[in-house]
Structure formats: structure tokens, C-alpha cells
Amino acid sequence: MEHVLHSFYLSRVGMVEQRFPRRKLTVEQVLDARLSYAVGDRDWTKLARKYGVGRDIVRSAALGLTYKHLPMPPRKRECP
């Protein structure tokens, strides 16, 4: 499921990466961080080490505070 969502987001992003050449994270890294957040992984330090950036950069990207031009994953629905 995660792989399908990742492919879907990458297909929607297109050439956005070329418009923001000074970004510290790639489109793939931001989407990976957002999907990790969506499934409950909140270990920002682990992701920051993985991508070679600061913890706050990963956290801001995953929460959608930065990289606002990229889509957020769908929210989980609560079952009644």
C-alpha cells in the first residue's frame, strides 16, 4: 500500500523539484517522511540521520509546514 501511495504522489509532483533547486530534501525524501508520519512513525532523529539534515527540517516537511507544494498523504478514517 505504501509503495502505491508513493508512486501516486511522485506521478502528481512532476517537475516541481526543478523549481526549487535550493531545497535540502528531495521530493522522494519529503514523501517518504510524510508517509512515515502517516503510519505513525515519529522518529524525526532517525529520518534526519538517514537524509543528512536536521531533525526540525524533517519534522517540518513531514507535518506539511514546509514543502507545501507537495501533496500530503490521505488521513486515516475512523471506523464507527
N, C-alpha and C. Protein backbone atom coordinates (compact mmCIF):
# COMPACT_ATOMS: atom_id res chain seq x y z
N MET A 1 0.83 -1.20 0.00
CA MET A 1 0.00 0.00 0.00
C MET A 1 0.87 1.26 0.00
N GLU A 2 1.90 1.25 0.84
CA GLU A 2 2.78 2.41 0.94
C GLU A 2 3.46 2.69 -0.39
N HIS A 3 3.87 1.64 -1.09
CA HIS A 3 4.54 1.78 -2.38
C HIS A 3 3.60 2.40 -3.41
N VAL A 4 2.33 1.99 -3.38
CA VAL A 4 1.34 2.52 -4.32
C VAL A 4 1.12 4.01 -4.07
N LEU A 5 0.99 4.40 -2.79
CA LEU A 5 0.82 5.82 -2.47
C LEU A 5 2.03 6.63 -2.90
N HIS A 6 3.21 6.08 -2.66
CA HIS A 6 4.45 6.78 -3.03
C HIS A 6 4.49 7.01 -4.54
N SER A 7 4.14 6.00 -5.33
CA SER A 7 4.12 6.14 -6.79
C SER A 7 3.09 7.16 -7.24
N PHE A 8 1.94 7.16 -6.58
CA PHE A 8 0.89 8.11 -6.90
C PHE A 8 1.36 9.54 -6.67
N TYR A 9 1.98 9.80 -5.54
CA TYR A 9 2.45 11.15 -5.23
C TYR A 9 3.55 11.59 -6.18
N LEU A 10 4.47 10.69 -6.51
CA LEU A 10 5.54 11.05 -7.43
C LEU A 10 4.99 11.38 -8.81
N SER A 11 3.94 10.69 -9.23
CA SER A 11 3.36 10.99 -10.54
C SER A 11 2.68 12.36 -10.55
N ARG A 12 2.16 12.80 -9.42
CA ARG A 12 1.50 14.10 -9.34
C ARG A 12 2.49 15.25 -9.22
N VAL A 13 3.67 14.98 -8.72
CA VAL A 13 4.62 16.04 -8.44
C VAL A 13 5.24 16.58 -9.72
N GLY A 14 5.57 15.70 -10.64
CA GLY A 14 6.13 16.13 -11.92
C GLY A 14 7.47 16.82 -11.79
N MET A 15 7.59 18.01 -12.36
CA MET A 15 8.86 18.72 -12.43
C MET A 15 9.02 19.77 -11.32
N VAL A 16 8.30 19.65 -10.24
CA VAL A 16 8.35 20.64 -9.16
C VAL A 16 9.76 20.78 -8.60
N GLU A 17 10.48 19.67 -8.54
CA GLU A 17 11.81 19.68 -7.95
C GLU A 17 12.74 20.68 -8.65
N GLN A 18 12.58 20.87 -9.94
CA GLN A 18 13.43 21.79 -10.68
C GLN A 18 13.13 23.25 -10.33
N ARG A 19 11.93 23.53 -9.84
CA ARG A 19 11.57 24.90 -9.49
C ARG A 19 12.18 25.34 -8.17
N PHE A 20 12.61 24.40 -7.33
CA PHE A 20 13.15 24.70 -6.01
C PHE A 20 14.52 24.06 -5.83
N PRO A 21 15.54 24.55 -6.52
CA PRO A 21 16.84 23.88 -6.52
C PRO A 21 17.60 23.98 -5.20
N ARG A 22 17.24 24.89 -4.28
CA ARG A 22 17.99 25.05 -3.04
C ARG A 22 17.42 24.25 -1.88
N ARG A 23 16.45 23.46 -2.11
CA ARG A 23 15.84 22.66 -1.05
C ARG A 23 16.83 21.63 -0.52
N LYS A 24 16.72 21.32 0.77
CA LYS A 24 17.63 20.37 1.39
C LYS A 24 17.16 18.93 1.24
N LEU A 25 15.87 18.73 1.07
CA LEU A 25 15.33 17.39 0.88
C LEU A 25 14.81 17.24 -0.54
N THR A 26 14.90 16.03 -1.06
CA THR A 26 14.34 15.76 -2.38
C THR A 26 12.84 15.49 -2.23
N VAL A 27 12.15 15.47 -3.34
CA VAL A 27 10.73 15.16 -3.34
C VAL A 27 10.49 13.78 -2.73
N GLU A 28 11.30 12.82 -3.11
CA GLU A 28 11.16 11.46 -2.60
C GLU A 28 11.34 11.41 -1.09
N GLN A 29 12.31 12.16 -0.57
CA GLN A 29 12.56 12.16 0.87
C GLN A 29 11.39 12.78 1.64
N VAL A 30 10.84 13.87 1.11
CA VAL A 30 9.69 14.51 1.76
C VAL A 30 8.50 13.55 1.78
N LEU A 31 8.23 12.92 0.65
CA LEU A 31 7.10 12.00 0.58
C LEU A 31 7.31 10.79 1.48
N ASP A 32 8.53 10.32 1.57
CA ASP A 32 8.84 9.21 2.47
C ASP A 32 8.62 9.63 3.93
N ALA A 33 9.06 10.82 4.29
CA ALA A 33 8.85 11.32 5.66
C ALA A 33 7.37 11.48 5.96
N ARG A 34 6.59 11.97 4.99
CA ARG A 34 5.15 12.15 5.20
C ARG A 34 4.43 10.83 5.32
N LEU A 35 4.84 9.85 4.53
CA LEU A 35 4.22 8.52 4.65
C LEU A 35 4.59 7.87 5.97
N SER A 36 5.82 8.06 6.41
CA SER A 36 6.24 7.54 7.72
C SER A 36 5.38 8.14 8.82
N TYR A 37 5.17 9.45 8.75
CA TYR A 37 4.33 10.14 9.73
C TYR A 37 2.90 9.61 9.68
N ALA A 38 2.39 9.38 8.48
CA ALA A 38 1.01 8.92 8.32
C ALA A 38 0.77 7.55 8.93
N VAL A 39 1.80 6.71 8.93
CA VAL A 39 1.65 5.37 9.51
C VAL A 39 2.07 5.31 10.97
N GLY A 40 2.42 6.46 11.54
CA GLY A 40 2.69 6.51 12.98
C GLY A 40 4.14 6.61 13.40
N ASP A 41 5.07 6.65 12.47
CA ASP A 41 6.49 6.76 12.82
C ASP A 41 6.83 8.22 13.06
N ARG A 42 7.20 8.56 14.30
CA ARG A 42 7.52 9.95 14.66
C ARG A 42 8.98 10.11 15.06
N ASP A 43 9.83 9.20 14.62
CA ASP A 43 11.25 9.27 14.98
C ASP A 43 11.98 10.21 14.03
N TRP A 44 11.87 11.51 14.29
CA TRP A 44 12.45 12.52 13.41
C TRP A 44 13.97 12.42 13.36
N THR A 45 14.58 12.05 14.46
CA THR A 45 16.04 11.94 14.52
C THR A 45 16.54 10.86 13.57
N LYS A 46 15.85 9.73 13.54
CA LYS A 46 16.24 8.64 12.64
C LYS A 46 16.15 9.06 11.17
N LEU A 47 15.05 9.72 10.81
CA LEU A 47 14.89 10.18 9.44
C LEU A 47 15.91 11.27 9.10
N ALA A 48 16.18 12.15 10.05
CA ALA A 48 17.14 13.22 9.82
C ALA A 48 18.53 12.65 9.54
N ARG A 49 18.91 11.64 10.30
CA ARG A 49 20.22 10.99 10.05
C ARG A 49 20.23 10.31 8.69
N LYS A 50 19.12 9.67 8.35
CA LYS A 50 19.01 8.97 7.07
C LYS A 50 19.21 9.93 5.89
N TYR A 51 18.67 11.16 6.01
CA TYR A 51 18.73 12.13 4.92
C TYR A 51 19.86 13.13 5.05
N GLY A 52 20.56 13.12 6.18
CA GLY A 52 21.69 14.03 6.36
C GLY A 52 21.28 15.49 6.57
N VAL A 53 20.15 15.69 7.25
CA VAL A 53 19.67 17.04 7.55
C VAL A 53 19.30 17.11 9.02
N GLY A 54 18.88 18.28 9.46
CA GLY A 54 18.47 18.47 10.85
C GLY A 54 17.10 17.89 11.14
N ARG A 55 16.89 17.58 12.41
CA ARG A 55 15.64 17.00 12.88
C ARG A 55 14.44 17.89 12.57
N ASP A 56 14.58 19.19 12.78
CA ASP A 56 13.47 20.12 12.54
C ASP A 56 13.10 20.24 11.06
N ILE A 57 14.08 20.05 10.18
CA ILE A 57 13.80 20.09 8.75
C ILE A 57 12.89 18.93 8.36
N VAL A 58 13.21 17.74 8.86
CA VAL A 58 12.39 16.56 8.56
C VAL A 58 11.00 16.71 9.17
N ARG A 59 10.95 17.15 10.41
CA ARG A 59 9.66 17.32 11.10
C ARG A 59 8.77 18.31 10.35
N SER A 60 9.31 19.45 9.99
CA SER A 60 8.53 20.47 9.28
C SER A 60 8.03 19.97 7.93
N ALA A 61 8.87 19.22 7.23
CA ALA A 61 8.47 18.67 5.94
C ALA A 61 7.37 17.62 6.10
N ALA A 62 7.52 16.74 7.09
CA ALA A 62 6.54 15.68 7.31
C ALA A 62 5.19 16.23 7.74
N LEU A 63 5.19 17.30 8.52
CA LEU A 63 3.94 17.89 9.00
C LEU A 63 3.30 18.83 7.99
N GLY A 64 4.01 19.12 6.90
CA GLY A 64 3.46 19.99 5.86
C GLY A 64 3.67 21.47 6.12
N LEU A 65 4.54 21.81 7.08
CA LEU A 65 4.84 23.21 7.36
C LEU A 65 5.74 23.80 6.28
N THR A 66 6.55 22.96 5.68
CA THR A 66 7.38 23.33 4.53
C THR A 66 7.03 22.39 3.39
N TYR A 67 7.54 22.66 2.22
CA TYR A 67 7.26 21.84 1.03
C TYR A 67 5.75 21.76 0.80
N LYS A 68 5.07 22.89 0.94
CA LYS A 68 3.61 22.94 0.81
C LYS A 68 3.13 22.64 -0.60
N HIS A 69 4.02 22.71 -1.56
CA HIS A 69 3.65 22.41 -2.94
C HIS A 69 3.50 20.91 -3.18
N LEU A 70 3.94 20.09 -2.23
CA LEU A 70 3.83 18.64 -2.36
C LEU A 70 2.59 18.15 -1.63
N PRO A 71 1.96 17.10 -2.15
CA PRO A 71 0.72 16.61 -1.53
C PRO A 71 0.98 15.89 -0.21
N MET A 72 -0.01 15.96 0.66
CA MET A 72 0.02 15.23 1.92
C MET A 72 -0.68 13.89 1.70
N PRO A 73 -0.28 12.85 2.43
CA PRO A 73 -0.97 11.56 2.28
C PRO A 73 -2.38 11.66 2.84
N PRO A 74 -3.28 10.81 2.37
CA PRO A 74 -4.65 10.84 2.89
C PRO A 74 -4.67 10.47 4.37
N ARG A 75 -5.60 11.06 5.09
CA ARG A 75 -5.74 10.76 6.52
C ARG A 75 -6.50 9.45 6.69
N LYS A 76 -6.17 8.75 7.77
CA LYS A 76 -6.88 7.51 8.07
C LYS A 76 -8.29 7.85 8.54
N ARG A 77 -9.25 7.06 8.10
CA ARG A 77 -10.62 7.25 8.54
C ARG A 77 -10.88 6.41 9.78
N GLU A 78 -11.62 6.99 10.69
CA GLU A 78 -12.02 6.26 11.90
C GLU A 78 -13.20 5.36 11.56
N CYS A 79 -13.16 4.13 11.96
CA CYS A 79 -14.28 3.20 11.75
C CYS A 79 -15.25 3.34 12.91
N PRO A 80 -16.55 3.45 12.62
CA PRO A 80 -17.53 3.59 13.72
C PRO A 80 -17.73 2.31 14.48
